[in-house]
N, C-alpha and C. Protein backbone atom coordinates (compact mmCIF):
# COMPACT_ATOMS: atom_id res chain seq x y z
N UNK A 1 0.83 -1.21 0.00
CA UNK A 1 0.00 0.00 0.00
C UNK A 1 0.86 1.26 0.00
N UNK A 2 1.97 1.26 0.73
CA UNK A 2 2.77 2.47 0.84
C UNK A 2 3.28 2.92 -0.52
N UNK A 3 3.67 2.00 -1.40
CA UNK A 3 4.13 2.37 -2.72
C UNK A 3 3.08 3.07 -3.55
N UNK A 4 1.81 2.78 -3.28
CA UNK A 4 0.71 3.41 -4.03
C UNK A 4 0.31 4.74 -3.42
N UNK A 5 0.79 5.03 -2.24
CA UNK A 5 0.46 6.30 -1.59
C UNK A 5 1.41 7.37 -2.12
N UNK A 6 1.16 7.78 -3.38
CA UNK A 6 2.08 8.67 -4.06
C UNK A 6 1.48 10.03 -4.40
N UNK A 7 0.32 10.35 -3.81
CA UNK A 7 -0.34 11.63 -4.07
C UNK A 7 -0.41 12.43 -2.78
N UNK A 8 -0.03 13.70 -2.85
CA UNK A 8 -0.09 14.58 -1.69
C UNK A 8 -1.48 15.23 -1.68
N UNK A 9 -2.20 15.09 -0.57
CA UNK A 9 -3.50 15.73 -0.42
C UNK A 9 -3.43 16.72 0.74
N UNK A 10 -4.43 17.58 0.83
CA UNK A 10 -4.52 18.53 1.95
C UNK A 10 -5.84 18.30 2.66
N UNK A 11 -5.80 18.17 3.98
CA UNK A 11 -6.99 17.97 4.80
C UNK A 11 -7.37 19.30 5.42
N UNK A 12 -8.64 19.69 5.26
CA UNK A 12 -9.09 20.99 5.76
C UNK A 12 -10.36 20.84 6.59
N UNK A 13 -10.54 21.82 7.49
CA UNK A 13 -11.72 21.89 8.35
C UNK A 13 -12.30 23.30 8.28
N UNK A 14 -13.62 23.38 8.30
CA UNK A 14 -14.29 24.69 8.30
C UNK A 14 -14.13 25.32 9.68
N UNK A 15 -13.68 26.56 9.71
CA UNK A 15 -13.48 27.27 10.97
C UNK A 15 -14.19 28.61 10.93
N UNK A 16 -14.54 29.11 12.11
CA UNK A 16 -15.17 30.43 12.23
C UNK A 16 -14.07 31.45 12.50
N UNK A 17 -14.11 32.55 11.75
CA UNK A 17 -13.10 33.59 11.90
C UNK A 17 -13.78 34.95 12.01
N UNK A 18 -13.17 35.85 12.76
CA UNK A 18 -13.69 37.22 12.85
C UNK A 18 -13.52 37.89 11.50
N UNK A 19 -14.56 38.62 11.06
CA UNK A 19 -14.50 39.26 9.75
C UNK A 19 -13.98 40.69 9.79
N UNK A 20 -13.60 41.18 10.97
CA UNK A 20 -13.04 42.52 11.10
C UNK A 20 -14.09 43.60 11.26
N UNK A 21 -15.37 43.23 11.12
CA UNK A 21 -16.45 44.20 11.26
C UNK A 21 -17.38 43.81 12.40
N UNK A 22 -16.88 42.97 13.31
CA UNK A 22 -17.67 42.55 14.45
C UNK A 22 -18.47 41.28 14.22
N UNK A 23 -18.39 40.71 13.04
CA UNK A 23 -19.12 39.49 12.74
C UNK A 23 -18.19 38.30 12.61
N UNK A 24 -18.78 37.21 12.20
CA UNK A 24 -18.02 35.97 12.04
C UNK A 24 -18.25 35.45 10.63
N UNK A 25 -17.19 34.96 10.04
CA UNK A 25 -17.30 34.34 8.72
C UNK A 25 -16.66 32.96 8.80
N UNK A 26 -17.14 32.05 7.96
CA UNK A 26 -16.57 30.71 7.93
C UNK A 26 -15.56 30.61 6.80
N UNK A 27 -14.48 29.91 7.08
CA UNK A 27 -13.43 29.71 6.07
C UNK A 27 -12.82 28.32 6.30
N UNK A 28 -12.21 27.79 5.26
CA UNK A 28 -11.53 26.50 5.37
C UNK A 28 -10.09 26.74 5.75
N UNK A 29 -9.59 25.92 6.70
CA UNK A 29 -8.19 26.00 7.14
C UNK A 29 -7.62 24.59 7.20
N UNK A 30 -6.33 24.47 6.95
CA UNK A 30 -5.67 23.16 7.03
C UNK A 30 -5.74 22.63 8.46
N UNK A 31 -5.85 21.31 8.60
CA UNK A 31 -5.82 20.71 9.93
C UNK A 31 -4.50 21.06 10.60
N UNK A 32 -4.53 21.14 11.91
CA UNK A 32 -3.35 21.57 12.66
C UNK A 32 -2.22 20.54 12.62
N UNK A 33 -2.56 19.26 12.64
CA UNK A 33 -1.56 18.20 12.67
C UNK A 33 -1.49 17.49 11.33
N UNK A 34 -0.33 17.45 10.73
CA UNK A 34 -0.08 16.76 9.46
C UNK A 34 -1.20 17.00 8.44
N UNK A 35 -1.38 18.23 7.99
CA UNK A 35 -2.47 18.54 7.06
C UNK A 35 -2.23 18.05 5.63
N UNK A 36 -1.00 17.60 5.30
CA UNK A 36 -0.70 17.19 3.92
C UNK A 36 -0.14 15.78 3.87
N UNK A 37 -0.96 14.78 4.18
CA UNK A 37 -0.47 13.40 4.15
C UNK A 37 -0.37 12.87 2.72
N UNK A 38 0.37 11.77 2.59
CA UNK A 38 0.41 11.04 1.32
C UNK A 38 -0.81 10.15 1.25
N UNK A 39 -1.33 9.95 0.05
CA UNK A 39 -2.55 9.14 -0.12
C UNK A 39 -2.46 8.31 -1.39
N UNK A 40 -3.17 7.19 -1.35
CA UNK A 40 -3.44 6.43 -2.57
C UNK A 40 -4.81 6.91 -3.03
N UNK A 41 -4.94 7.25 -4.30
CA UNK A 41 -6.18 7.82 -4.84
C UNK A 41 -6.75 6.89 -5.90
N UNK A 42 -8.04 6.56 -5.75
CA UNK A 42 -8.72 5.69 -6.69
C UNK A 42 -10.03 6.33 -7.13
N UNK A 43 -10.17 6.56 -8.43
CA UNK A 43 -11.42 7.09 -8.96
C UNK A 43 -12.49 6.00 -8.90
N UNK A 44 -13.71 6.38 -8.50
CA UNK A 44 -14.78 5.39 -8.39
C UNK A 44 -15.86 5.58 -9.44
N UNK A 45 -16.61 6.68 -9.36
CA UNK A 45 -17.73 6.85 -10.28
C UNK A 45 -18.10 8.31 -10.42
N UNK A 46 -18.61 8.66 -11.58
CA UNK A 46 -19.09 10.01 -11.82
C UNK A 46 -20.51 9.96 -12.33
N UNK A 47 -21.21 11.08 -12.22
CA UNK A 47 -22.57 11.15 -12.77
C UNK A 47 -22.93 12.61 -13.04
N UNK A 48 -23.91 12.77 -13.89
CA UNK A 48 -24.44 14.10 -14.21
C UNK A 48 -25.93 14.09 -13.93
N UNK A 49 -26.45 15.26 -13.60
CA UNK A 49 -27.88 15.38 -13.36
C UNK A 49 -28.27 16.84 -13.31
N UNK A 50 -29.57 17.06 -13.42
CA UNK A 50 -30.10 18.42 -13.34
C UNK A 50 -30.42 18.77 -11.89
N UNK A 51 -29.93 19.91 -11.44
CA UNK A 51 -30.23 20.42 -10.12
C UNK A 51 -30.59 21.88 -10.26
N UNK A 52 -31.79 22.22 -9.85
CA UNK A 52 -32.28 23.60 -9.92
C UNK A 52 -32.11 24.18 -11.31
N UNK A 53 -32.42 23.37 -12.33
CA UNK A 53 -32.40 23.84 -13.71
C UNK A 53 -31.04 23.93 -14.37
N UNK A 54 -30.01 23.39 -13.73
CA UNK A 54 -28.69 23.42 -14.35
C UNK A 54 -28.03 22.05 -14.24
N UNK A 55 -27.15 21.75 -15.18
CA UNK A 55 -26.45 20.48 -15.20
C UNK A 55 -25.34 20.48 -14.15
N UNK A 56 -25.30 19.44 -13.34
CA UNK A 56 -24.30 19.32 -12.29
C UNK A 56 -23.62 17.96 -12.45
N UNK A 57 -22.30 17.96 -12.44
CA UNK A 57 -21.53 16.73 -12.52
C UNK A 57 -20.83 16.49 -11.19
N UNK A 58 -20.92 15.28 -10.67
CA UNK A 58 -20.24 14.91 -9.43
C UNK A 58 -19.33 13.71 -9.71
N UNK A 59 -18.35 13.54 -8.85
CA UNK A 59 -17.41 12.44 -9.03
C UNK A 59 -16.97 11.94 -7.66
N UNK A 60 -17.04 10.63 -7.44
CA UNK A 60 -16.66 10.02 -6.17
C UNK A 60 -15.26 9.42 -6.30
N UNK A 61 -14.42 9.68 -5.32
CA UNK A 61 -13.04 9.20 -5.29
C UNK A 61 -12.75 8.62 -3.92
N UNK A 62 -11.94 7.57 -3.88
CA UNK A 62 -11.50 6.98 -2.62
C UNK A 62 -10.06 7.39 -2.35
N UNK A 63 -9.83 7.88 -1.14
CA UNK A 63 -8.49 8.27 -0.69
C UNK A 63 -8.11 7.35 0.46
N UNK A 64 -6.93 6.75 0.40
CA UNK A 64 -6.44 5.90 1.47
C UNK A 64 -5.22 6.58 2.08
N UNK A 65 -5.29 6.82 3.40
CA UNK A 65 -4.20 7.49 4.12
C UNK A 65 -3.86 6.67 5.37
N UNK A 66 -2.74 7.01 5.99
CA UNK A 66 -2.40 6.38 7.27
C UNK A 66 -3.44 6.76 8.31
N UNK A 67 -3.72 5.84 9.21
CA UNK A 67 -4.75 6.03 10.22
C UNK A 67 -4.47 7.27 11.08
N UNK A 68 -5.54 7.97 11.40
CA UNK A 68 -5.49 9.14 12.28
C UNK A 68 -6.87 9.29 12.91
N UNK A 69 -6.96 9.99 14.04
CA UNK A 69 -8.25 10.08 14.73
C UNK A 69 -8.86 11.49 14.71
N UNK A 70 -8.25 12.41 13.97
CA UNK A 70 -8.73 13.79 13.99
C UNK A 70 -9.54 14.17 12.75
N UNK A 71 -9.89 13.23 11.90
CA UNK A 71 -10.59 13.52 10.66
C UNK A 71 -12.06 13.12 10.79
N UNK A 72 -12.99 13.97 10.31
CA UNK A 72 -14.41 13.67 10.37
C UNK A 72 -15.06 13.89 9.01
N UNK A 73 -16.32 13.51 8.91
CA UNK A 73 -17.08 13.70 7.68
C UNK A 73 -17.41 15.18 7.42
N UNK A 74 -17.15 16.05 8.37
CA UNK A 74 -17.37 17.49 8.18
C UNK A 74 -16.17 18.16 7.52
N UNK A 75 -15.05 17.45 7.44
CA UNK A 75 -13.84 17.98 6.83
C UNK A 75 -13.86 17.78 5.32
N UNK A 76 -12.83 18.27 4.64
CA UNK A 76 -12.73 18.07 3.20
C UNK A 76 -11.29 17.79 2.81
N UNK A 77 -11.14 17.30 1.58
CA UNK A 77 -9.84 17.01 1.00
C UNK A 77 -9.65 17.92 -0.20
N UNK A 78 -8.46 18.48 -0.34
CA UNK A 78 -8.10 19.22 -1.54
C UNK A 78 -7.04 18.40 -2.26
N UNK A 79 -7.31 18.06 -3.51
CA UNK A 79 -6.37 17.26 -4.30
C UNK A 79 -6.43 17.75 -5.75
N UNK A 80 -5.29 18.02 -6.31
CA UNK A 80 -5.23 18.47 -7.70
C UNK A 80 -5.98 19.77 -7.94
N UNK A 81 -6.03 20.62 -6.93
CA UNK A 81 -6.72 21.90 -7.07
C UNK A 81 -8.23 21.81 -6.98
N UNK A 82 -8.76 20.63 -6.65
CA UNK A 82 -10.21 20.42 -6.54
C UNK A 82 -10.57 20.10 -5.09
N UNK A 83 -11.76 20.52 -4.67
CA UNK A 83 -12.25 20.23 -3.32
C UNK A 83 -13.13 18.99 -3.36
N UNK A 84 -12.89 18.09 -2.40
CA UNK A 84 -13.65 16.84 -2.27
C UNK A 84 -14.28 16.81 -0.88
N UNK A 85 -15.61 16.78 -0.83
CA UNK A 85 -16.31 16.70 0.44
C UNK A 85 -16.31 15.26 0.93
N UNK A 86 -15.89 15.05 2.16
CA UNK A 86 -15.81 13.71 2.72
C UNK A 86 -17.21 13.21 3.00
N UNK A 87 -17.56 12.05 2.42
CA UNK A 87 -18.88 11.45 2.60
C UNK A 87 -18.86 10.30 3.58
N UNK A 88 -17.72 9.65 3.72
CA UNK A 88 -17.63 8.53 4.66
C UNK A 88 -16.19 8.17 4.93
N UNK A 89 -15.93 7.75 6.17
CA UNK A 89 -14.60 7.32 6.57
C UNK A 89 -14.74 5.91 7.14
N UNK A 90 -14.08 4.95 6.52
CA UNK A 90 -14.14 3.58 7.00
C UNK A 90 -13.06 3.40 8.07
N UNK A 91 -13.53 3.28 9.31
CA UNK A 91 -12.64 3.08 10.45
C UNK A 91 -12.81 1.65 10.94
N UNK A 92 -11.74 0.91 10.95
CA UNK A 92 -11.79 -0.48 11.37
C UNK A 92 -11.34 -0.65 12.82
N UNK A 93 -10.86 0.40 13.43
CA UNK A 93 -10.37 0.32 14.80
C UNK A 93 -9.06 1.08 14.93
N UNK A 94 -8.66 1.34 16.15
CA UNK A 94 -7.48 2.16 16.41
C UNK A 94 -6.19 1.47 15.98
N UNK A 95 -6.20 0.16 15.84
CA UNK A 95 -4.97 -0.57 15.50
C UNK A 95 -4.76 -0.71 14.01
N UNK A 96 -5.72 -0.32 13.21
CA UNK A 96 -5.59 -0.42 11.76
C UNK A 96 -4.56 0.57 11.25
N UNK A 97 -3.90 0.22 10.16
CA UNK A 97 -2.86 1.08 9.61
C UNK A 97 -3.40 2.20 8.72
N UNK A 98 -4.56 1.98 8.09
CA UNK A 98 -5.05 2.92 7.08
C UNK A 98 -6.50 3.33 7.33
N UNK A 99 -6.85 4.49 6.80
CA UNK A 99 -8.24 4.95 6.72
C UNK A 99 -8.63 4.95 5.26
N UNK A 100 -9.83 4.49 4.97
CA UNK A 100 -10.38 4.54 3.61
C UNK A 100 -11.44 5.65 3.64
N UNK A 101 -11.23 6.69 2.83
CA UNK A 101 -12.11 7.86 2.81
C UNK A 101 -12.80 7.95 1.46
N UNK A 102 -14.12 8.03 1.49
CA UNK A 102 -14.86 8.25 0.25
C UNK A 102 -15.26 9.72 0.22
N UNK A 103 -14.90 10.39 -0.87
CA UNK A 103 -15.16 11.83 -0.99
C UNK A 103 -15.74 12.15 -2.35
N UNK A 104 -16.49 13.24 -2.42
CA UNK A 104 -17.20 13.61 -3.64
C UNK A 104 -16.83 15.02 -4.07
N UNK A 105 -16.56 15.16 -5.36
CA UNK A 105 -16.23 16.45 -5.95
C UNK A 105 -17.44 16.92 -6.76
N UNK A 106 -17.68 18.23 -6.75
CA UNK A 106 -18.73 18.77 -7.59
C UNK A 106 -20.02 19.07 -6.84
N UNK A 107 -19.99 18.96 -5.52
CA UNK A 107 -21.17 19.29 -4.71
C UNK A 107 -20.77 20.25 -3.61
N UNK A 108 -21.69 21.08 -3.21
CA UNK A 108 -21.42 22.02 -2.12
C UNK A 108 -21.53 21.30 -0.79
N UNK A 109 -20.78 21.79 0.18
CA UNK A 109 -20.87 21.19 1.51
C UNK A 109 -21.63 22.09 2.42
């Protein structure tokens, strides 16, 4: 598996930040610990459909990274300049070596 983990990804989390005018705005920021792990990337499936009168294309990709406990389905992955919303994380237990992450590109989070 390690030989196939040849793609650098960025893990991000939505954070609340002061907007300078007394309000709060949300922005994406890299995770504090090891935000750029190596990953094995596998394309799964794509589809197109009409949403609110416009054509929308989505694509599901699987990312495999070394196990960690700070990643959730509310986070996202940036790979190849594209944002992938995490849809599911397969956790087999704390002793497992890898996490299998299913993420989708082309949809808003």
